[in-house]
Amino acid sequence: MRTPAALAAVWTLVGATPALAQQRVAAERHSALSVAAARIAPSVVSVNVVGRERAVPNDFFSQFMYPGGYVQRVEGLGSGFIVSADGLVVTNQHVVAGADSIVVTLRDGRDFQARLLGEDARTDVAVVKIE
């Protein structure tokens, strides 16, 4: 014979199970993401670039002073990650496109001059090398 109290207890347990399961899954995901982030963090780098870009004057008087436009210095910043012990770094192509100078900054603050090995604008992937 089922009493109303027993049915209420069963109903509470069944109703609470999805919430408990969601909490457990959330905790497992958080743990997995934390572990993955901790493992990959040392390979993440900052990619600093300096390039030149042709600019067209945007006001009436500057068009007379610079009729052909002018070249201006442009600085950019992106991220990448080290993929091999010999210093290969993968980053986005749009970060290094047209760069005159590429400097890779490691997590500990050390800077390394880098050279562009290859880039593909269609997939927006570039590979640079540091020593």
Protein backbone atom coordinates (compact mmCIF):
# COMPACT_ATOMS: atom_id res chain seq x y z
CA MET A 1 0.00 0.00 0.00
CA ARG A 2 1.40 3.35 -0.99
CA THR A 3 1.06 6.26 1.32
CA PRO A 4 0.93 9.87 0.12
CA ALA A 5 4.22 10.56 1.93
CA ALA A 6 5.95 7.69 0.14
CA LEU A 7 4.62 8.84 -3.23
CA ALA A 8 5.78 12.40 -2.49
CA ALA A 9 9.26 11.13 -1.59
CA VAL A 10 9.48 9.10 -4.81
CA TRP A 11 8.22 12.07 -6.86
CA THR A 12 10.80 14.39 -5.23
CA LEU A 13 13.60 11.90 -5.91
CA VAL A 14 12.59 11.40 -9.55
CA GLY A 15 12.14 15.14 -10.12
CA ALA A 16 15.51 15.96 -8.55
CA THR A 17 17.47 13.36 -10.54
CA PRO A 18 17.75 15.38 -13.80
CA ALA A 19 18.99 18.41 -11.87
CA LEU A 20 21.58 16.30 -10.06
CA ALA A 21 22.64 14.70 -13.33
CA GLN A 22 23.01 18.13 -14.95
CA GLN A 23 25.15 19.32 -12.04
CA ARG A 24 27.36 16.22 -12.35
CA VAL A 25 27.77 16.70 -16.12
CA ALA A 26 28.54 20.40 -15.63
CA ALA A 27 31.18 19.54 -13.02
CA GLU A 28 32.75 16.94 -15.33
CA ARG A 29 32.82 19.40 -18.24
CA HIS A 30 34.35 22.06 -16.05
CA SER A 31 37.01 19.60 -14.93
CA ALA A 32 37.73 18.49 -18.51
CA LEU A 33 37.97 22.08 -19.76
CA SER A 34 40.17 23.09 -16.84
CA VAL A 35 42.51 20.18 -17.46
CA ALA A 36 42.68 20.89 -21.21
CA ALA A 37 43.30 24.61 -20.64
CA ALA A 38 46.04 23.90 -18.11
CA ARG A 39 47.74 21.48 -20.52
CA ILE A 40 47.63 23.80 -23.54
CA ALA A 41 48.33 27.13 -21.79
CA PRO A 42 52.15 26.93 -21.95
CA SER A 43 52.03 26.68 -25.75
CA VAL A 44 49.82 29.74 -26.29
CA VAL A 45 51.75 32.81 -27.48
CA SER A 46 51.12 36.39 -28.48
CA VAL A 47 51.99 37.40 -32.05
CA ASN A 48 52.91 41.08 -32.48
CA VAL A 49 53.36 42.49 -35.99
CA VAL A 50 54.43 45.76 -37.54
CA GLY A 51 53.64 46.49 -41.15
CA ARG A 52 53.02 49.28 -43.61
CA GLU A 53 49.77 50.12 -45.25
CA ARG A 54 48.90 52.55 -48.00
CA ALA A 55 46.32 55.06 -46.84
CA VAL A 56 44.16 57.42 -48.85
CA PRO A 57 43.48 60.89 -47.42
CA ASN A 58 39.95 61.21 -46.16
CA ASP A 59 39.49 64.97 -46.06
CA PHE A 60 39.47 67.58 -48.82
CA PHE A 61 42.70 69.43 -47.91
CA SER A 62 44.78 66.28 -47.29
CA GLN A 63 43.96 65.10 -50.80
CA PHE A 64 45.93 68.09 -52.14
CA MET A 65 48.86 67.52 -49.77
CA TYR A 66 49.00 63.75 -50.42
CA PRO A 67 47.41 63.19 -53.85
CA GLY A 68 48.77 59.65 -54.21
CA GLY A 69 48.08 58.72 -50.63
CA TYR A 70 50.73 57.88 -48.09
CA VAL A 71 52.21 54.90 -46.28
CA GLN A 72 51.54 54.55 -42.58
CA ARG A 73 52.92 52.22 -39.96
CA VAL A 74 50.38 49.68 -38.71
CA GLU A 75 50.74 47.53 -35.62
CA GLY A 76 48.77 44.36 -35.06
CA LEU A 77 48.33 41.77 -32.38
CA GLY A 78 47.09 38.22 -32.45
CA SER A 79 47.59 34.88 -30.80
CA GLY A 80 48.98 31.54 -31.82
CA PHE A 81 50.39 28.38 -30.36
CA ILE A 82 53.67 26.54 -30.47
CA VAL A 83 53.28 23.23 -32.27
CA SER A 84 56.82 21.85 -32.12
CA ALA A 85 59.92 22.02 -29.97
CA ASP A 86 61.94 23.57 -32.83
CA GLY A 87 59.86 26.77 -32.67
CA LEU A 88 57.04 26.39 -35.18
CA VAL A 89 54.10 28.61 -34.31
CA VAL A 90 50.66 28.45 -35.93
CA THR A 91 48.65 31.66 -36.09
CA ASN A 92 46.06 33.32 -38.33
CA GLN A 93 47.13 34.55 -41.75
CA HIS A 94 45.28 37.84 -41.35
CA VAL A 95 47.47 38.59 -38.31
CA VAL A 96 50.76 38.35 -40.23
CA ALA A 97 49.56 39.50 -43.66
CA GLY A 98 51.88 42.21 -44.96
CA ALA A 99 54.00 42.26 -41.80
CA ASP A 100 57.50 43.71 -41.95
CA SER A 101 58.32 42.45 -38.47
CA ILE A 102 56.87 39.57 -36.43
CA VAL A 103 57.63 39.17 -32.73
CA VAL A 104 56.33 36.22 -30.73
CA THR A 105 55.91 36.73 -26.99
CA LEU A 106 55.86 33.66 -24.77
CA ARG A 107 53.81 33.25 -21.62
CA ASP A 108 56.83 34.10 -19.44
CA GLY A 109 57.30 37.45 -21.24
CA ARG A 110 60.26 36.54 -23.45
CA ASP A 111 60.18 37.99 -26.99
CA PHE A 112 61.48 36.23 -30.09
CA GLN A 113 61.85 37.58 -33.60
CA ALA A 114 59.97 35.29 -35.98
CA ARG A 115 60.07 34.68 -39.69
CA LEU A 116 57.12 33.74 -41.84
CA LEU A 117 57.45 30.24 -43.31
CA GLY A 118 54.10 30.01 -45.05
CA GLU A 119 50.60 31.37 -45.16
CA ASP A 120 47.26 30.51 -46.72
CA ALA A 121 44.68 33.29 -46.98
CA ARG A 122 41.87 30.92 -47.93
CA THR A 123 42.10 28.94 -44.67
CA ASP A 124 43.47 31.93 -42.68
CA VAL A 125 46.42 29.88 -41.38
CA ALA A 126 50.05 30.95 -41.16
CA VAL A 127 53.18 29.29 -39.81
CA VAL A 128 56.05 31.29 -38.34
CA LYS A 129 59.32 30.10 -36.80
CA ILE A 130 61.14 31.34 -33.75
CA GLU A 131 64.62 30.35 -32.65
